[in-house]
Amino acid sequence: MPGFKEIGLAGLGIAVTGGVVYAVWNYWSSRQRESSQRDEDKPDERPRVASEVSSAACNSTANPRTQELAKHKIVSKRYLPARDSAWPVSPGARSAAASPRTQELCKPISR
């Protein structure tokens, strides 16, 4: 197990999901860092191979059912777009007041 002096931080990622923060970090030892730096200095010696596509795959055509499924759905005429999240407050709601009974029920029970 490497000591703290031998470990370096390679990457740090933070994600927020549902109010929870996740932190993920990657680290490598100093030996791995040195070997990766040596590899970066050398040119890439591995041959780059392009994948070959068969002539049958190049000349193929989609059947009518596949073409039908590839079309997008038509939007219904009854579709209503999303409403605005803010709308005006009615005058009745602005002038509303709690009744004496409601105010009495709001008070905590004293024990």
C-alpha atoms as a PDB file:
ATOM      1  CA  MET A   1       0.000   0.000   0.000  1.00  0.00           C
ATOM      2  CA  PRO A   2       1.530   3.336  -0.997  1.00  0.00           C
ATOM      3  CA  GLY A   3       2.014   6.081   1.558  1.00  0.00           C
ATOM      4  CA  PHE A   4       0.363   9.471   1.301  1.00  0.00           C
ATOM      5  CA  LYS A   5       3.456  10.957  -0.343  1.00  0.00           C
ATOM      6  CA  GLU A   6       3.200   8.500  -3.232  1.00  0.00           C
ATOM      7  CA  ILE A   7      -0.447   9.185  -4.088  1.00  0.00           C
ATOM      8  CA  GLY A   8      -1.524  11.923  -6.477  1.00  0.00           C
ATOM      9  CA  LEU A   9      -5.019  13.065  -7.336  1.00  0.00           C
ATOM     10  CA  ALA A  10      -5.837  12.230 -10.958  1.00  0.00           C
ATOM     11  CA  GLY A  11      -9.421  13.441 -11.162  1.00  0.00           C
ATOM     12  CA  LEU A  12     -12.300  14.640  -9.051  1.00  0.00           C
ATOM     13  CA  GLY A  13     -15.954  14.536  -9.999  1.00  0.00           C
ATOM     14  CA  ILE A  14     -18.929  15.942  -8.112  1.00  0.00           C
ATOM     15  CA  ALA A  15     -22.553  15.066  -8.822  1.00  0.00           C
ATOM     16  CA  VAL A  16     -25.745  16.251  -7.133  1.00  0.00           C
ATOM     17  CA  THR A  17     -28.694  13.887  -7.292  1.00  0.00           C
ATOM     18  CA  GLY A  18     -31.871  14.240  -5.268  1.00  0.00           C
ATOM     19  CA  GLY A  19     -30.282  16.600  -2.772  1.00  0.00           C
ATOM     20  CA  VAL A  20     -27.313  14.272  -2.137  1.00  0.00           C
ATOM     21  CA  VAL A  21     -23.805  15.282  -3.194  1.00  0.00           C
ATOM     22  CA  TYR A  22     -21.507  12.537  -4.423  1.00  0.00           C
ATOM     23  CA  ALA A  23     -17.767  13.100  -4.752  1.00  0.00           C
ATOM     24  CA  VAL A  24     -15.719  10.602  -6.741  1.00  0.00           C
ATOM     25  CA  TRP A  25     -11.976  10.853  -6.956  1.00  0.00           C
ATOM     26  CA  ASN A  26      -9.379   8.903  -8.857  1.00  0.00           C
ATOM     27  CA  TYR A  27      -5.839   8.632  -7.667  1.00  0.00           C
ATOM     28  CA  TRP A  28      -2.671   6.955  -8.810  1.00  0.00           C
ATOM     29  CA  SER A  29       0.620   6.164  -7.205  1.00  0.00           C
ATOM     30  CA  SER A  30       3.793   8.041  -8.082  1.00  0.00           C
ATOM     31  CA  ARG A  31       5.056   4.973  -9.965  1.00  0.00           C
ATOM     32  CA  GLN A  32       1.964   4.980 -12.182  1.00  0.00           C
ATOM     33  CA  ARG A  33       2.332   8.722 -12.781  1.00  0.00           C
ATOM     34  CA  GLU A  34       5.967   8.317 -13.858  1.00  0.00           C
ATOM     35  CA  SER A  35       5.125   5.468 -16.236  1.00  0.00           C
ATOM     36  CA  SER A  36       2.229   7.421 -17.764  1.00  0.00           C
ATOM     37  CA  GLN A  37       4.477  10.456 -18.295  1.00  0.00           C
ATOM     38  CA  ARG A  38       7.040   8.248 -20.045  1.00  0.00           C
ATOM     39  CA  ASP A  39       4.276   6.857 -22.280  1.00  0.00           C
ATOM     40  CA  GLU A  40       3.140  10.365 -23.237  1.00  0.00           C
ATOM     41  CA  ASP A  41       6.646  11.278 -24.400  1.00  0.00           C
ATOM     42  CA  LYS A  42       6.815   8.319 -26.810  1.00  0.00           C
ATOM     43  CA  PRO A  43       4.891   8.426 -30.075  1.00  0.00           C
ATOM     44  CA  ASP A  44       2.029   5.975 -30.346  1.00  0.00           C
ATOM     45  CA  GLU A  45       3.576   2.789 -31.731  1.00  0.00           C
ATOM     46  CA  ARG A  46       0.363   0.819 -31.933  1.00  0.00           C
ATOM     47  CA  PRO A  47      -1.120   0.600 -35.421  1.00  0.00           C
ATOM     48  CA  ARG A  48      -4.489   2.228 -35.857  1.00  0.00           C
ATOM     49  CA  VAL A  49      -6.873  -0.247 -37.434  1.00  0.00           C
ATOM     50  CA  ALA A  50      -9.982   0.973 -39.185  1.00  0.00           C
ATOM     51  CA  SER A  51     -12.896  -1.391 -38.792  1.00  0.00           C
ATOM     52  CA  GLU A  52     -13.905  -2.988 -42.044  1.00  0.00           C
ATOM     53  CA  VAL A  53     -17.554  -2.993 -43.056  1.00  0.00           C
ATOM     54  CA  SER A  54     -18.757  -5.831 -45.233  1.00  0.00           C
ATOM     55  CA  SER A  55     -20.111  -5.061 -48.677  1.00  0.00           C
ATOM     56  CA  ALA A  56     -23.442  -6.650 -47.714  1.00  0.00           C
ATOM     57  CA  ALA A  57     -23.798  -4.163 -44.851  1.00  0.00           C
ATOM     58  CA  CYS A  58     -22.909  -1.254 -47.149  1.00  0.00           C
ATOM     59  CA  ASN A  59     -25.460  -2.280 -49.792  1.00  0.00           C
ATOM     60  CA  SER A  60     -28.312  -3.195 -47.437  1.00  0.00           C
ATOM     61  CA  THR A  61     -31.640  -1.347 -47.369  1.00  0.00           C
ATOM     62  CA  ALA A  62     -34.214  -1.082 -44.624  1.00  0.00           C
ATOM     63  CA  ASN A  63     -37.440  -3.020 -45.042  1.00  0.00           C
ATOM     64  CA  PRO A  64     -40.766  -1.127 -45.123  1.00  0.00           C
ATOM     65  CA  ARG A  65     -41.611  -1.979 -41.497  1.00  0.00           C
ATOM     66  CA  THR A  66     -38.297  -0.543 -40.255  1.00  0.00           C
ATOM     67  CA  GLN A  67     -38.847   2.615 -42.291  1.00  0.00           C
ATOM     68  CA  GLU A  68     -42.350   2.944 -40.832  1.00  0.00           C
ATOM     69  CA  LEU A  69     -41.000   2.594 -37.296  1.00  0.00           C
ATOM     70  CA  ALA A  70     -38.322   5.211 -37.989  1.00  0.00           C
ATOM     71  CA  LYS A  71     -40.936   7.940 -38.534  1.00  0.00           C
ATOM     72  CA  HIS A  72     -41.772  10.251 -35.631  1.00  0.00           C
ATOM     73  CA  LYS A  73     -45.141  10.247 -33.918  1.00  0.00           C
ATOM     74  CA  ILE A  74     -47.662  12.918 -34.857  1.00  0.00           C
ATOM     75  CA  VAL A  75     -48.559  15.312 -32.041  1.00  0.00           C
ATOM     76  CA  SER A  76     -52.201  15.070 -30.991  1.00  0.00           C
ATOM     77  CA  LYS A  77     -54.458  18.054 -31.679  1.00  0.00           C
ATOM     78  CA  ARG A  78     -55.642  17.851 -28.061  1.00  0.00           C
ATOM     79  CA  TYR A  79     -52.086  18.277 -26.705  1.00  0.00           C
ATOM     80  CA  LEU A  80     -51.763  21.169 -24.268  1.00  0.00           C
ATOM     81  CA  PRO A  81     -48.266  22.565 -23.721  1.00  0.00           C
ATOM     82  CA  ALA A  82     -46.999  23.006 -20.172  1.00  0.00           C
ATOM     83  CA  ARG A  83     -48.551  25.904 -18.270  1.00  0.00           C
ATOM     84  CA  ASP A  84     -46.494  28.724 -16.843  1.00  0.00           C
ATOM     85  CA  SER A  85     -45.429  28.123 -13.263  1.00  0.00           C
ATOM     86  CA  ALA A  86     -46.421  31.678 -12.290  1.00  0.00           C
ATOM     87  CA  TRP A  87     -49.866  33.173 -12.752  1.00  0.00           C
ATOM     88  CA  PRO A  88     -51.614  36.238 -11.326  1.00  0.00           C
ATOM     89  CA  VAL A  89     -53.124  36.059  -7.847  1.00  0.00           C
ATOM     90  CA  SER A  90     -56.831  36.823  -7.753  1.00  0.00           C
ATOM     91  CA  PRO A  91     -58.074  39.872  -5.794  1.00  0.00           C
ATOM     92  CA  GLY A  92     -60.167  37.600  -3.571  1.00  0.00           C
ATOM     93  CA  ALA A  93     -57.083  35.650  -2.523  1.00  0.00           C
ATOM     94  CA  ARG A  94     -55.221  38.887  -1.788  1.00  0.00           C
ATOM     95  CA  SER A  95     -57.935  40.209   0.523  1.00  0.00           C
ATOM     96  CA  ALA A  96     -58.672  36.902   2.279  1.00  0.00           C
ATOM     97  CA  ALA A  97     -58.467  36.817   6.066  1.00  0.00           C
ATOM     98  CA  ALA A  98     -58.680  33.950   8.521  1.00  0.00           C
ATOM     99  CA  SER A  99     -61.836  33.710  10.617  1.00  0.00           C
ATOM    100  CA  PRO A 100     -61.605  33.985  14.425  1.00  0.00           C
ATOM    101  CA  ARG A 101     -62.307  30.238  14.706  1.00  0.00           C
ATOM    102  CA  THR A 102     -59.440  29.400  12.319  1.00  0.00           C
ATOM    103  CA  GLN A 103     -57.106  31.682  14.267  1.00  0.00           C
ATOM    104  CA  GLU A 104     -58.159  29.979  17.497  1.00  0.00           C
ATOM    105  CA  LEU A 105     -57.446  26.552  16.030  1.00  0.00           C
ATOM    106  CA  CYS A 106     -53.994  27.726  14.881  1.00  0.00           C
ATOM    107  CA  LYS A 107     -52.783  28.313  18.409  1.00  0.00           C
ATOM    108  CA  PRO A 108     -50.732  25.493  19.970  1.00  0.00           C
ATOM    109  CA  ILE A 109     -52.181  23.570  22.881  1.00  0.00           C
ATOM    110  CA  SER A 110     -50.745  24.792  26.176  1.00  0.00           C
ATOM    111  CA  ARG A 111     -50.118  21.951  28.600  1.00  0.00           C
END
